[in-house]
C-alpha atoms as a PDB file:
ATOM      1  CA  MET A   1      15.826  -1.726  -3.040  1.00  0.00           C
ATOM      2  CA  TRP A   2      14.246   0.735  -0.598  1.00  0.00           C
ATOM      3  CA  LEU A   3      12.336   2.369  -3.445  1.00  0.00           C
ATOM      4  CA  CYS A   4      10.912  -1.043  -4.337  1.00  0.00           C
ATOM      5  CA  ALA A   5       9.842  -1.455  -0.719  1.00  0.00           C
ATOM      6  CA  ALA A   6       8.082   1.928  -0.890  1.00  0.00           C
ATOM      7  CA  VAL A   7       6.194   0.803  -4.007  1.00  0.00           C
ATOM      8  CA  ILE A   8       5.133  -2.435  -2.298  1.00  0.00           C
ATOM      9  CA  PHE A   9       3.885  -0.674   0.838  1.00  0.00           C
ATOM     10  CA  SER A  10       2.013   1.814  -1.318  1.00  0.00           C
ATOM     11  CA  GLY A  11       0.224  -1.012  -3.112  1.00  0.00           C
ATOM     12  CA  TRP A  12      -0.759  -2.561   0.203  1.00  0.00           C
ATOM     13  CA  MET A  13      -1.992   0.845   1.339  1.00  0.00           C
ATOM     14  CA  GLY A  14      -4.299   1.090  -1.687  1.00  0.00           C
ATOM     15  CA  TYR A  15      -5.590  -2.416  -0.974  1.00  0.00           C
ATOM     16  CA  ALA A  16      -6.380  -1.541   2.651  1.00  0.00           C
ATOM     17  CA  PHE A  17      -7.872   1.800   1.603  1.00  0.00           C
ATOM     18  CA  PHE A  18     -10.533   0.050  -0.493  1.00  0.00           C
ATOM     19  CA  TRP A  19     -11.563  -2.173   2.410  1.00  0.00           C
ATOM     20  CA  GLU A  20     -11.759   0.877   4.669  1.00  0.00           C
ATOM     21  CA  ASN A  21     -14.087   2.526   2.126  1.00  0.00           C
ATOM     22  CA  VAL A  22     -16.471  -0.434   2.091  1.00  0.00           C
ATOM     23  CA  LYS A  23     -16.168  -0.839   5.890  1.00  0.00           C
ATOM     24  CA  LEU A  24     -15.013  -4.464   5.777  1.00  0.00           C
ATOM     25  CA  PRO A  25     -11.902  -6.073   7.299  1.00  0.00           C
ATOM     26  CA  CYS A  26      -9.116  -6.340   4.763  1.00  0.00           C
ATOM     27  CA  GLY A  27      -7.508  -9.534   6.021  1.00  0.00           C
ATOM     28  CA  CYS A  28      -4.129  -7.892   5.491  1.00  0.00           C
ATOM     29  CA  MET A  29      -2.493  -9.888   8.272  1.00  0.00           C
ATOM     30  CA  GLY A  30      -4.087 -13.215   7.411  1.00  0.00           C
ATOM     31  CA  ALA A  31      -7.127 -15.050   8.675  1.00  0.00           C
ATOM     32  CA  LEU A  32      -6.012 -15.375  12.285  1.00  0.00           C
ATOM     33  CA  ILE A  33      -5.267 -11.713  12.995  1.00  0.00           C
ATOM     34  CA  HIS A  34      -8.064  -9.219  12.408  1.00  0.00           C
ATOM     35  CA  ILE A  35      -6.975  -5.599  12.395  1.00  0.00           C
ATOM     36  CA  PRO A  36      -8.962  -2.569  11.255  1.00  0.00           C
ATOM     37  CA  PRO A  37      -8.089  -1.405   7.728  1.00  0.00           C
ATOM     38  CA  LEU A  38      -7.354   2.084   9.046  1.00  0.00           C
ATOM     39  CA  TYR A  39      -4.581   0.626  11.209  1.00  0.00           C
ATOM     40  CA  ALA A  40      -3.157  -1.163   8.152  1.00  0.00           C
ATOM     41  CA  ILE A  41      -3.283   2.081   6.162  1.00  0.00           C
ATOM     42  CA  LEU A  42      -1.387   3.940   8.869  1.00  0.00           C
ATOM     43  CA  LEU A  43       1.251   1.203   9.118  1.00  0.00           C
ATOM     44  CA  ASP A  44       1.676   1.138   5.342  1.00  0.00           C
ATOM     45  CA  GLN A  45       2.052   4.932   5.266  1.00  0.00           C
ATOM     46  CA  LEU A  46       4.670   4.764   8.003  1.00  0.00           C
ATOM     47  CA  PHE A  47       6.686   2.091   6.227  1.00  0.00           C
ATOM     48  CA  PHE A  48       6.259   3.891   2.888  1.00  0.00           C
ATOM     49  CA  PHE A  49       7.776   7.093   4.259  1.00  0.00           C
ATOM     50  CA  LEU A  50      10.486   5.208   6.136  1.00  0.00           C
ATOM     51  CA  SER A  51      11.431   3.390   2.928  1.00  0.00           C
ATOM     52  CA  LEU A  52      11.696   6.682   1.057  1.00  0.00           C
ATOM     53  CA  LEU A  53      13.760   8.141   3.890  1.00  0.00           C
ATOM     54  CA  MET A  54      16.136   5.174   3.855  1.00  0.00           C
ATOM     55  CA  ALA A  55      16.527   5.466   0.080  1.00  0.00           C
ATOM     56  CA  TYR A  56      17.346   9.161   0.480  1.00  0.00           C
ATOM     57  CA  LEU A  57      19.794   8.559   3.319  1.00  0.00           C
ATOM     58  CA  LEU A  58      21.563   5.861   1.318  1.00  0.00           C
ATOM     59  CA  GLY A  59      22.137   8.288  -1.546  1.00  0.00           C
ATOM     60  CA  ALA A  60      19.248   7.873  -3.969  1.00  0.00           C
ATOM     61  CA  GLY A  61      19.144  10.828  -6.325  1.00  0.00           C
ATOM     62  CA  LYS A  62      16.176  13.154  -6.641  1.00  0.00           C
ATOM     63  CA  GLN A  63      15.222  11.621  -9.986  1.00  0.00           C
ATOM     64  CA  TRP A  64      15.107   8.136  -8.465  1.00  0.00           C
ATOM     65  CA  LEU A  65      13.064   9.388  -5.515  1.00  0.00           C
ATOM     66  CA  PHE A  66      10.618  11.093  -7.869  1.00  0.00           C
ATOM     67  CA  LEU A  67      10.347   7.925  -9.956  1.00  0.00           C
ATOM     68  CA  GLY A  68       9.779   5.898  -6.782  1.00  0.00           C
ATOM     69  CA  ILE A  69       6.999   8.245  -5.656  1.00  0.00           C
ATOM     70  CA  LEU A  70       5.379   8.126  -9.098  1.00  0.00           C
ATOM     71  CA  CYS A  71       5.522   4.321  -9.188  1.00  0.00           C
ATOM     72  CA  SER A  72       4.165   4.246  -5.639  1.00  0.00           C
ATOM     73  CA  PHE A  73       1.179   6.324  -6.675  1.00  0.00           C
ATOM     74  CA  LEU A  74       0.463   3.926  -9.523  1.00  0.00           C
ATOM     75  CA  SER A  75       0.956   0.963  -7.196  1.00  0.00           C
ATOM     76  CA  ASN A  76      -1.552   2.479  -4.788  1.00  0.00           C
ATOM     77  CA  LEU A  77      -4.119   2.643  -7.585  1.00  0.00           C
ATOM     78  CA  VAL A  78      -3.382  -0.945  -8.625  1.00  0.00           C
ATOM     79  CA  GLY A  79      -3.812  -2.145  -5.026  1.00  0.00           C
ATOM     80  CA  TYR A  80      -7.138  -0.346  -4.781  1.00  0.00           C
ATOM     81  CA  ALA A  81      -8.302  -1.748  -8.138  1.00  0.00           C
ATOM     82  CA  PHE A  82      -7.229  -5.267  -7.159  1.00  0.00           C
ATOM     83  CA  ALA A  83      -9.214  -5.081  -3.916  1.00  0.00           C
ATOM     84  CA  GLU A  84     -12.228  -3.797  -5.846  1.00  0.00           C
ATOM     85  CA  TRP A  85     -11.897  -6.681  -8.313  1.00  0.00           C
ATOM     86  CA  ILE A  86     -11.828  -9.165  -5.430  1.00  0.00           C
ATOM     87  CA  TYR A  87     -14.897  -7.526  -3.885  1.00  0.00           C
ATOM     88  CA  THR A  88     -16.951  -7.497  -7.083  1.00  0.00           C
ATOM     89  CA  THR A  89     -16.000 -10.829  -8.659  1.00  0.00           C
ATOM     90  CA  LEU A  90     -15.080 -13.159  -5.842  1.00  0.00           C
ATOM     91  CA  LEU A  91     -17.260 -11.813  -3.056  1.00  0.00           C
ATOM     92  CA  GLY A  92     -20.197 -10.784  -5.216  1.00  0.00           C
ATOM     93  CA  GLY A  93     -20.240  -7.209  -3.904  1.00  0.00           C
END
């Protein structure tokens, strides 16, 4: 379960990373709370590493941790690509 949380936070990190690259707010916390994308990236990194640490402390094997990190990398790319798709198709960027 903690490895799944790491994958989710990694995807959100990729999403926020795209918005940081184009220098626009990501809207990661909804419409009412505006935070800088860099802050969202740092929070996602923190929770990503904490999720991996919890998985390790609860006895996840090295193979499962490696698989979780690999899936997290792919999730990061998917989050970035999704944000780019939103920017180009929905926002006309």
